[in-house]
PDB file of N, CA and C in Angstrom:
ATOM      1  N   MET A   1      54.025  79.086 -25.982  1.00  0.00           N
ATOM      2  CA  MET A   1      52.896  79.438 -26.925  1.00  0.00           C
ATOM      3  C   MET A   1      51.832  79.955 -26.296  1.00  0.00           C
ATOM      4  N   ARG A   2      51.614  80.063 -25.134  1.00  0.00           N
ATOM      5  CA  ARG A   2      50.485  80.551 -24.297  1.00  0.00           C
ATOM      6  C   ARG A   2      50.900  82.196 -24.264  1.00  0.00           C
ATOM      7  N   ASP A   3      49.468  82.780 -24.204  1.00  0.00           N
ATOM      8  CA  ASP A   3      49.283  84.250 -24.011  1.00  0.00           C
ATOM      9  C   ASP A   3      50.013  85.061 -25.005  1.00  0.00           C
ATOM     10  N   ARG A   4      50.176  84.541 -25.993  1.00  0.00           N
ATOM     11  CA  ARG A   4      50.699  85.377 -27.186  1.00  0.00           C
ATOM     12  C   ARG A   4      52.485  85.745 -26.953  1.00  0.00           C
ATOM     13  N   LYS A   5      52.913  84.649 -26.114  1.00  0.00           N
ATOM     14  CA  LYS A   5      54.483  84.857 -25.745  1.00  0.00           C
ATOM     15  C   LYS A   5      55.335  84.569 -26.946  1.00  0.00           C
ATOM     16  N   LEU A   6      54.936  83.666 -27.782  1.00  0.00           N
ATOM     17  CA  LEU A   6      55.703  83.330 -29.235  1.00  0.00           C
ATOM     18  C   LEU A   6      55.355  84.122 -30.269  1.00  0.00           C
ATOM     19  N   ALA A   7      56.212  84.776 -30.808  1.00  0.00           N
ATOM     20  CA  ALA A   7      55.960  85.634 -31.931  1.00  0.00           C
ATOM     21  C   ALA A   7      54.787  86.579 -31.750  1.00  0.00           C
ATOM     22  N   LYS A   8      54.366  86.807 -30.560  1.00  0.00           N
ATOM     23  CA  LYS A   8      53.218  87.841 -30.334  1.00  0.00           C
ATOM     24  C   LYS A   8      51.918  87.409 -31.094  1.00  0.00           C
ATOM     25  N   SER A   9      51.748  85.945 -31.341  1.00  0.00           N
ATOM     26  CA  SER A   9      50.774  85.402 -32.123  1.00  0.00           C
ATOM     27  C   SER A   9      50.032  84.397 -31.308  1.00  0.00           C
ATOM     28  N   LYS A  10      48.623  84.253 -31.554  1.00  0.00           N
ATOM     29  CA  LYS A  10      47.807  83.415 -30.776  1.00  0.00           C
ATOM     30  C   LYS A  10      47.841  82.087 -31.415  1.00  0.00           C
ATOM     31  N   PHE A  11      47.993  80.885 -30.717  1.00  0.00           N
ATOM     32  CA  PHE A  11      47.845  79.580 -31.086  1.00  0.00           C
ATOM     33  C   PHE A  11      46.718  78.912 -30.546  1.00  0.00           C
ATOM     34  N   ARG A  12      46.153  78.150 -31.280  1.00  0.00           N
ATOM     35  CA  ARG A  12      45.029  77.209 -30.673  1.00  0.00           C
ATOM     36  C   ARG A  12      45.598  75.725 -30.784  1.00  0.00           C
ATOM     37  N   ARG A  13      45.211  74.897 -29.776  1.00  0.00           N
ATOM     38  CA  ARG A  13      45.608  73.523 -29.550  1.00  0.00           C
ATOM     39  C   ARG A  13      44.606  72.636 -30.104  1.00  0.00           C
ATOM     40  N   GLN A  14      44.808  71.531 -30.661  1.00  0.00           N
ATOM     41  CA  GLN A  14      43.925  70.426 -31.220  1.00  0.00           C
ATOM     42  C   GLN A  14      42.752  71.092 -31.888  1.00  0.00           C
ATOM     43  N   HIS A  15      43.199  71.609 -33.021  1.00  0.00           N
ATOM     44  CA  HIS A  15      42.138  72.545 -33.792  1.00  0.00           C
ATOM     45  C   HIS A  15      41.827  71.736 -35.135  1.00  0.00           C
ATOM     46  N   SER A  16      40.542  71.769 -35.590  1.00  0.00           N
ATOM     47  CA  SER A  16      40.181  71.076 -36.714  1.00  0.00           C
ATOM     48  C   SER A  16      40.307  71.914 -37.949  1.00  0.00           C
ATOM     49  N   VAL A  17      41.053  71.288 -39.044  1.00  0.00           N
ATOM     50  CA  VAL A  17      41.173  71.935 -40.224  1.00  0.00           C
ATOM     51  C   VAL A  17      40.760  71.061 -41.202  1.00  0.00           C
ATOM     52  N   GLY A  18      39.805  71.125 -41.980  1.00  0.00           N
ATOM     53  CA  GLY A  18      39.172  70.174 -42.754  1.00  0.00           C
ATOM     54  C   GLY A  18      38.865  68.832 -42.242  1.00  0.00           C
ATOM     55  N   PRO A  19      39.386  67.849 -42.695  1.00  0.00           N
ATOM     56  CA  PRO A  19      39.221  66.421 -42.185  1.00  0.00           C
ATOM     57  C   PRO A  19      40.244  66.228 -41.051  1.00  0.00           C
ATOM     58  N   TYR A  20      41.270  67.024 -40.708  1.00  0.00           N
ATOM     59  CA  TYR A  20      42.297  66.688 -39.900  1.00  0.00           C
ATOM     60  C   TYR A  20      41.968  67.633 -38.459  1.00  0.00           C
ATOM     61  N   VAL A  21      42.847  67.112 -37.520  1.00  0.00           N
ATOM     62  CA  VAL A  21      42.822  67.724 -36.201  1.00  0.00           C
ATOM     63  C   VAL A  21      44.475  68.011 -36.169  1.00  0.00           C
ATOM     64  N   VAL A  22      44.848  69.386 -36.102  1.00  0.00           N
ATOM     65  CA  VAL A  22      46.226  69.757 -35.904  1.00  0.00           C
ATOM     66  C   VAL A  22      46.580  70.003 -34.417  1.00  0.00           C
ATOM     67  N   ASP A  23      47.887  69.904 -34.268  1.00  0.00           N
ATOM     68  CA  ASP A  23      48.471  69.942 -32.866  1.00  0.00           C
ATOM     69  C   ASP A  23      48.326  71.420 -32.448  1.00  0.00           C
ATOM     70  N   PHE A  24      48.746  72.176 -33.246  1.00  0.00           N
ATOM     71  CA  PHE A  24      48.865  73.742 -32.873  1.00  0.00           C
ATOM     72  C   PHE A  24      48.619  74.614 -34.163  1.00  0.00           C
ATOM     73  N   ILE A  25      47.752  75.567 -34.059  1.00  0.00           N
ATOM     74  CA  ILE A  25      47.726  76.564 -35.308  1.00  0.00           C
ATOM     75  C   ILE A  25      47.699  77.942 -34.871  1.00  0.00           C
ATOM     76  N   CYS A  26      48.062  78.704 -35.794  1.00  0.00           N
ATOM     77  CA  CYS A  26      47.989  80.108 -35.571  1.00  0.00           C
ATOM     78  C   CYS A  26      47.231  80.598 -36.718  1.00  0.00           C
ATOM     79  N   LEU A  27      46.041  80.954 -36.523  1.00  0.00           N
ATOM     80  CA  LEU A  27      44.969  81.096 -37.580  1.00  0.00           C
ATOM     81  C   LEU A  27      45.405  82.437 -38.515  1.00  0.00           C
ATOM     82  N   GLU A  28      45.766  83.539 -37.863  1.00  0.00           N
ATOM     83  CA  GLU A  28      46.495  84.743 -38.287  1.00  0.00           C
ATOM     84  C   GLU A  28      47.421  84.697 -39.473  1.00  0.00           C
ATOM     85  N   GLU A  29      48.403  83.830 -39.126  1.00  0.00           N
ATOM     86  CA  GLU A  29      49.669  83.514 -40.005  1.00  0.00           C
ATOM     87  C   GLU A  29      49.480  82.103 -40.809  1.00  0.00           C
ATOM     88  N   HIS A  30      48.274  81.481 -40.718  1.00  0.00           N
ATOM     89  CA  HIS A  30      48.298  80.191 -41.473  1.00  0.00           C
ATOM     90  C   HIS A  30      49.339  79.245 -41.327  1.00  0.00           C
ATOM     91  N   LEU A  31      49.819  79.158 -39.999  1.00  0.00           N
ATOM     92  CA  LEU A  31      50.832  78.409 -39.700  1.00  0.00           C
ATOM     93  C   LEU A  31      50.427  77.345 -38.671  1.00  0.00           C
ATOM     94  N   LEU A  32      50.712  75.939 -38.978  1.00  0.00           N
ATOM     95  CA  LEU A  32      50.426  74.734 -38.254  1.00  0.00           C
ATOM     96  C   LEU A  32      51.740  74.155 -37.759  1.00  0.00           C
ATOM     97  N   ILE A  33      51.615  73.671 -36.600  1.00  0.00           N
ATOM     98  CA  ILE A  33      52.983  73.055 -35.719  1.00  0.00           C
ATOM     99  C   ILE A  33      52.304  71.633 -35.392  1.00  0.00           C
ATOM    100  N   GLU A  34      53.113  70.685 -35.861  1.00  0.00           N
ATOM    101  CA  GLU A  34      52.739  69.228 -35.612  1.00  0.00           C
ATOM    102  C   GLU A  34      53.964  68.684 -34.696  1.00  0.00           C
ATOM    103  N   VAL A  35      53.751  67.898 -33.764  1.00  0.00           N
ATOM    104  CA  VAL A  35      54.643  67.441 -32.879  1.00  0.00           C
ATOM    105  C   VAL A  35      54.499  65.995 -32.937  1.00  0.00           C
ATOM    106  N   ASP A  36      55.711  65.344 -33.606  1.00  0.00           N
ATOM    107  CA  ASP A  36      55.562  63.939 -33.878  1.00  0.00           C
ATOM    108  C   ASP A  36      56.161  63.162 -32.940  1.00  0.00           C
ATOM    109  N   GLY A  37      55.440  62.144 -32.464  1.00  0.00           N
ATOM    110  CA  GLY A  37      56.155  61.135 -31.434  1.00  0.00           C
ATOM    111  C   GLY A  37      56.690  59.899 -32.253  1.00  0.00           C
ATOM    112  N   ALA A  38      57.067  58.836 -31.486  1.00  0.00           N
ATOM    113  CA  ALA A  38      57.637  57.741 -31.896  1.00  0.00           C
ATOM    114  C   ALA A  38      56.653  57.081 -33.060  1.00  0.00           C
ATOM    115  N   SER A  39      55.450  57.064 -33.088  1.00  0.00           N
ATOM    116  CA  SER A  39      54.584  56.473 -33.994  1.00  0.00           C
ATOM    117  C   SER A  39      54.684  56.974 -35.361  1.00  0.00           C
ATOM    118  N   HIS A  40      55.265  58.227 -35.582  1.00  0.00           N
ATOM    119  CA  HIS A  40      55.594  58.812 -36.780  1.00  0.00           C
ATOM    120  C   HIS A  40      56.605  58.537 -37.385  1.00  0.00           C
ATOM    121  N   HIS A  41      57.545  57.537 -37.022  1.00  0.00           N
ATOM    122  CA  HIS A  41      58.796  56.921 -37.511  1.00  0.00           C
ATOM    123  C   HIS A  41      58.617  55.831 -38.394  1.00  0.00           C
ATOM    124  N   ASN A  42      57.491  55.306 -38.503  1.00  0.00           N
ATOM    125  CA  ASN A  42      57.106  54.107 -39.474  1.00  0.00           C
ATOM    126  C   ASN A  42      56.802  54.840 -40.802  1.00  0.00           C
ATOM    127  N   VAL A  43      57.000  54.035 -41.781  1.00  0.00           N
ATOM    128  CA  VAL A  43      56.639  54.364 -43.172  1.00  0.00           C
ATOM    129  C   VAL A  43      55.361  54.701 -43.428  1.00  0.00           C
ATOM    130  N   GLY A  44      54.428  53.792 -43.010  1.00  0.00           N
ATOM    131  CA  GLY A  44      52.826  54.240 -43.327  1.00  0.00           C
ATOM    132  C   GLY A  44      52.505  55.605 -42.779  1.00  0.00           C
ATOM    133  N   THR A  45      52.880  55.774 -41.606  1.00  0.00           N
ATOM    134  CA  THR A  45      52.536  56.947 -40.890  1.00  0.00           C
ATOM    135  C   THR A  45      53.089  58.081 -41.642  1.00  0.00           C
ATOM    136  N   GLN A  46      54.471  57.857 -41.980  1.00  0.00           N
ATOM    137  CA  GLN A  46      55.140  58.965 -42.754  1.00  0.00           C
ATOM    138  C   GLN A  46      54.518  59.428 -44.021  1.00  0.00           C
ATOM    139  N   MET A  47      53.948  58.290 -44.712  1.00  0.00           N
ATOM    140  CA  MET A  47      53.202  58.647 -46.035  1.00  0.00           C
ATOM    141  C   MET A  47      51.965  59.301 -45.755  1.00  0.00           C
ATOM    142  N   ALA A  48      51.208  58.973 -44.805  1.00  0.00           N
ATOM    143  CA  ALA A  48      49.814  59.699 -44.405  1.00  0.00           C
ATOM    144  C   ALA A  48      50.274  61.134 -43.984  1.00  0.00           C
ATOM    145  N   ASP A  49      51.268  61.144 -43.065  1.00  0.00           N
ATOM    146  CA  ASP A  49      51.911  62.595 -42.847  1.00  0.00           C
ATOM    147  C   ASP A  49      51.904  63.463 -44.036  1.00  0.00           C
ATOM    148  N   ASN A  50      52.644  63.026 -45.100  1.00  0.00           N
ATOM    149  CA  ASN A  50      52.941  63.704 -46.477  1.00  0.00           C
ATOM    150  C   ASN A  50      51.890  64.041 -47.004  1.00  0.00           C
ATOM    151  N   GLU A  51      50.852  63.071 -46.996  1.00  0.00           N
ATOM    152  CA  GLU A  51      49.488  63.311 -47.896  1.00  0.00           C
ATOM    153  C   GLU A  51      48.791  64.519 -47.179  1.00  0.00           C
ATOM    154  N   ARG A  52      48.796  64.460 -45.819  1.00  0.00           N
ATOM    155  CA  ARG A  52      48.086  65.372 -44.934  1.00  0.00           C
ATOM    156  C   ARG A  52      48.789  66.781 -45.182  1.00  0.00           C
ATOM    157  N   ASP A  53      50.116  66.825 -45.151  1.00  0.00           N
ATOM    158  CA  ASP A  53      50.792  68.076 -45.300  1.00  0.00           C
ATOM    159  C   ASP A  53      50.578  68.655 -46.609  1.00  0.00           C
ATOM    160  N   GLN A  54      50.332  67.865 -47.590  1.00  0.00           N
ATOM    161  CA  GLN A  54      50.095  68.364 -49.084  1.00  0.00           C
ATOM    162  C   GLN A  54      48.791  68.951 -48.901  1.00  0.00           C
ATOM    163  N   TRP A  55      47.905  68.135 -48.521  1.00  0.00           N
ATOM    164  CA  TRP A  55      46.437  68.635 -48.402  1.00  0.00           C
ATOM    165  C   TRP A  55      46.427  70.233 -47.672  1.00  0.00           C
ATOM    166  N   LEU A  56      47.044  70.226 -46.700  1.00  0.00           N
ATOM    167  CA  LEU A  56      46.925  71.352 -45.765  1.00  0.00           C
ATOM    168  C   LEU A  56      47.874  72.514 -46.536  1.00  0.00           C
ATOM    169  N   HIS A  57      49.030  72.294 -47.295  1.00  0.00           N
ATOM    170  CA  HIS A  57      49.519  73.242 -48.126  1.00  0.00           C
ATOM    171  C   HIS A  57      48.573  73.819 -49.215  1.00  0.00           C
ATOM    172  N   GLY A  58      47.716  72.786 -49.667  1.00  0.00           N
ATOM    173  CA  GLY A  58      46.890  73.051 -50.883  1.00  0.00           C
ATOM    174  C   GLY A  58      45.811  74.087 -50.224  1.00  0.00           C
ATOM    175  N   GLN A  59      45.707  74.094 -48.941  1.00  0.00           N
ATOM    176  CA  GLN A  59      44.645  75.019 -48.258  1.00  0.00           C
ATOM    177  C   GLN A  59      45.153  76.440 -48.023  1.00  0.00           C
ATOM    178  N   GLY A  60      46.571  76.579 -48.069  1.00  0.00           N
ATOM    179  CA  GLY A  60      47.351  77.813 -47.741  1.00  0.00           C
ATOM    180  C   GLY A  60      47.877  77.899 -46.521  1.00  0.00           C
ATOM    181  N   TYR A  61      48.223  76.837 -45.874  1.00  0.00           N
ATOM    182  CA  TYR A  61      48.943  76.622 -44.487  1.00  0.00           C
ATOM    183  C   TYR A  61      50.320  76.261 -44.726  1.00  0.00           C
ATOM    184  N   LYS A  62      51.121  76.700 -43.902  1.00  0.00           N
ATOM    185  CA  LYS A  62      52.271  76.356 -43.845  1.00  0.00           C
ATOM    186  C   LYS A  62      52.548  75.408 -42.572  1.00  0.00           C
ATOM    187  N   VAL A  63      53.120  74.054 -42.712  1.00  0.00           N
ATOM    188  CA  VAL A  63      53.293  73.143 -41.848  1.00  0.00           C
ATOM    189  C   VAL A  63      54.706  72.992 -41.298  1.00  0.00           C
ATOM    190  N   LEU A  64      54.808  72.917 -39.951  1.00  0.00           N
ATOM    191  CA  LEU A  64      56.180  72.806 -39.378  1.00  0.00           C
ATOM    192  C   LEU A  64      56.014  71.552 -38.561  1.00  0.00           C
ATOM    193  N   ARG A  65      56.862  70.516 -38.925  1.00  0.00           N
ATOM    194  CA  ARG A  65      56.820  69.359 -37.946  1.00  0.00           C
ATOM    195  C   ARG A  65      58.191  69.268 -37.162  1.00  0.00           C
ATOM    196  N   PHE A  66      57.916  68.882 -35.764  1.00  0.00           N
ATOM    197  CA  PHE A  66      59.118  68.693 -35.120  1.00  0.00           C
ATOM    198  C   PHE A  66      58.784  67.399 -34.228  1.00  0.00           C
ATOM    199  N   THR A  67      59.716  66.704 -34.082  1.00  0.00           N
ATOM    200  CA  THR A  67      59.686  65.628 -33.202  1.00  0.00           C
ATOM    201  C   THR A  67      59.680  65.615 -31.740  1.00  0.00           C
ATOM    202  N   ASN A  68      59.266  64.915 -31.005  1.00  0.00           N
ATOM    203  CA  ASN A  68      59.347  65.132 -29.463  1.00  0.00           C
ATOM    204  C   ASN A  68      60.960  65.272 -29.069  1.00  0.00           C
ATOM    205  N   GLU A  69      61.826  64.496 -29.592  1.00  0.00           N
ATOM    206  CA  GLU A  69      63.172  64.587 -29.373  1.00  0.00           C
ATOM    207  C   GLU A  69      63.714  66.026 -29.567  1.00  0.00           C
ATOM    208  N   GLU A  70      63.415  66.442 -30.750  1.00  0.00           N
ATOM    209  CA  GLU A  70      63.912  67.741 -31.143  1.00  0.00           C
ATOM    210  C   GLU A  70      63.441  68.861 -29.998  1.00  0.00           C
ATOM    211  N   ILE A  71      62.121  68.718 -29.485  1.00  0.00           N
ATOM    212  CA  ILE A  71      61.684  69.623 -28.548  1.00  0.00           C
ATOM    213  C   ILE A  71      62.269  69.536 -27.168  1.00  0.00           C
ATOM    214  N   TYR A  72      62.642  68.182 -26.687  1.00  0.00           N
ATOM    215  CA  TYR A  72      63.116  67.903 -25.545  1.00  0.00           C
ATOM    216  C   TYR A  72      64.543  68.176 -25.594  1.00  0.00           C
ATOM    217  N   GLN A  73      65.431  67.986 -26.612  1.00  0.00           N
ATOM    218  CA  GLN A  73      66.797  68.304 -26.853  1.00  0.00           C
ATOM    219  C   GLN A  73      67.227  69.675 -27.149  1.00  0.00           C
ATOM    220  N   ASN A  74      66.386  70.408 -27.647  1.00  0.00           N
ATOM    221  CA  ASN A  74      66.700  71.640 -28.143  1.00  0.00           C
ATOM    222  C   ASN A  74      65.579  72.555 -28.336  1.00  0.00           C
ATOM    223  N   VAL A  75      64.845  73.115 -27.241  1.00  0.00           N
ATOM    224  CA  VAL A  75      63.528  73.751 -27.382  1.00  0.00           C
ATOM    225  C   VAL A  75      63.825  75.286 -28.177  1.00  0.00           C
ATOM    226  N   GLU A  76      65.076  75.622 -27.869  1.00  0.00           N
ATOM    227  CA  GLU A  76      65.469  76.987 -28.325  1.00  0.00           C
ATOM    228  C   GLU A  76      65.399  77.116 -29.854  1.00  0.00           C
ATOM    229  N   ARG A  77      65.938  75.920 -30.424  1.00  0.00           N
ATOM    230  CA  ARG A  77      66.010  75.877 -31.911  1.00  0.00           C
ATOM    231  C   ARG A  77      64.773  75.676 -32.412  1.00  0.00           C
ATOM    232  N   VAL A  78      63.776  74.972 -31.770  1.00  0.00           N
ATOM    233  CA  VAL A  78      62.522  74.716 -32.251  1.00  0.00           C
ATOM    234  C   VAL A  78      61.643  76.202 -32.204  1.00  0.00           C
ATOM    235  N   LEU A  79      61.809  76.834 -31.205  1.00  0.00           N
ATOM    236  CA  LEU A  79      61.193  78.257 -30.937  1.00  0.00           C
ATOM    237  C   LEU A  79      61.791  79.278 -32.073  1.00  0.00           C
ATOM    238  N   TRP A  80      63.070  78.993 -32.435  1.00  0.00           N
ATOM    239  CA  TRP A  80      63.637  79.939 -33.238  1.00  0.00           C
ATOM    240  C   TRP A  80      63.044  79.738 -34.685  1.00  0.00           C
ATOM    241  N   ALA A  81      62.728  78.346 -35.011  1.00  0.00           N
ATOM    242  CA  ALA A  81      62.413  77.861 -36.305  1.00  0.00           C
ATOM    243  C   ALA A  81      60.850  78.425 -36.335  1.00  0.00           C
ATOM    244  N   ILE A  82      60.132  78.404 -35.371  1.00  0.00           N
ATOM    245  CA  ILE A  82      58.804  78.879 -35.375  1.00  0.00           C
ATOM    246  C   ILE A  82      58.710  80.440 -35.652  1.00  0.00           C
ATOM    247  N   GLU A  83      59.588  80.991 -34.827  1.00  0.00           N
ATOM    248  CA  GLU A  83      59.587  82.506 -35.119  1.00  0.00           C
ATOM    249  C   GLU A  83      60.273  82.952 -36.622  1.00  0.00           C
ATOM    250  N   ASP A  84      61.077  82.230 -37.125  1.00  0.00           N
ATOM    251  CA  ASP A  84      61.600  82.334 -38.472  1.00  0.00           C
ATOM    252  C   ASP A  84      60.323  82.073 -39.299  1.00  0.00           C
ATOM    253  N   ALA A  85      59.564  81.109 -39.213  1.00  0.00           N
ATOM    254  CA  ALA A  85      58.478  80.995 -40.006  1.00  0.00           C
ATOM    255  C   ALA A  85      57.656  82.268 -40.161  1.00  0.00           C
ATOM    256  N   PHE A  86      57.577  83.077 -39.136  1.00  0.00           N
ATOM    257  CA  PHE A  86      56.986  84.282 -39.003  1.00  0.00           C
ATOM    258  C   PHE A  86      57.556  85.461 -39.463  1.00  0.00           C
ATOM    259  N   GLY A  87      58.941  85.216 -39.697  1.00  0.00           N
ATOM    260  CA  GLY A  87      60.086  86.081 -40.049  1.00  0.00           C
ATOM    261  C   GLY A  87      60.282  87.069 -39.153  1.00  0.00           C
ATOM    262  N   ARG A  88      60.045  86.599 -37.797  1.00  0.00           N
ATOM    263  CA  ARG A  88      60.371  87.532 -36.588  1.00  0.00           C
ATOM    264  C   ARG A  88      61.241  87.233 -35.707  1.00  0.00           C
ATOM    265  N   ASN A  89      62.336  86.047 -36.182  1.00  0.00           N
ATOM    266  CA  ASN A  89      63.418  85.909 -35.264  1.00  0.00           C
ATOM    267  C   ASN A  89      64.376  86.931 -35.197  1.00  0.00           C
ATOM    268  N   THR A  90      64.876  86.876 -33.983  1.00  0.00           N
ATOM    269  CA  THR A  90      65.759  88.055 -33.443  1.00  0.00           C
ATOM    270  C   THR A  90      67.405  87.487 -33.433  1.00  0.00           C
ATOM    271  N   SER A  91      67.540  86.287 -33.485  1.00  0.00           N
ATOM    272  CA  SER A  91      69.074  85.938 -33.230  1.00  0.00           C
ATOM    273  C   SER A  91      68.866  84.521 -33.756  1.00  0.00           C
ATOM    274  N   GLU A  92      70.354  84.143 -33.895  1.00  0.00           N
ATOM    275  CA  GLU A  92      70.505  82.617 -34.553  1.00  0.00           C
ATOM    276  C   GLU A  92      70.104  81.698 -33.442  1.00  0.00           C
ATOM    277  N   PRO A  93      69.583  80.381 -33.969  1.00  0.00           N
ATOM    278  CA  PRO A  93      69.602  79.506 -32.854  1.00  0.00           C
ATOM    279  C   PRO A  93      70.595  78.801 -32.140  1.00  0.00           C
ATOM    280  N   LYS A  94      70.460  78.526 -30.989  1.00  0.00           N
ATOM    281  CA  LYS A  94      71.623  77.775 -30.200  1.00  0.00           C
ATOM    282  C   LYS A  94      71.577  76.388 -30.364  1.00  0.00           C
ATOM    283  N   SER A  95      72.647  75.709 -30.548  1.00  0.00           N
ATOM    284  CA  SER A  95      72.745  74.203 -30.876  1.00  0.00           C
ATOM    285  C   SER A  95      73.060  73.595 -29.427  1.00  0.00           C
ATOM    286  N   SER A  96      72.275  72.610 -29.151  1.00  0.00           N
ATOM    287  CA  SER A  96      72.695  71.831 -27.974  1.00  0.00           C
ATOM    288  C   SER A  96      73.408  70.551 -28.358  1.00  0.00           C
ATOM    289  N   GLN A  97      74.450  70.293 -27.663  1.00  0.00           N
ATOM    290  CA  GLN A  97      75.426  69.196 -28.054  1.00  0.00           C
ATOM    291  C   GLN A  97      75.599  68.247 -27.025  1.00  0.00           C
TER     292      GLN A  97
END
């Protein structure tokens, strides 16, 4: 995501949006990327994440969420999904098994 290498778009890390701090944001495309660790597996946190996502959607942002496991196990698929959100993907994702 550095140096506009992903979808030729600039991302900022740990950026404030209203009352929230998002993991990554592309301001030009109104795209947010959240990376969820193990703490996001409990019901209370998931409810807070849903509320947060709804607020962000209401502000005109598209929110993509990935777990740490998804990133570690198949980063190519994650990158494909981000490019797909921009409408710029060039190939199908590869699945790791």
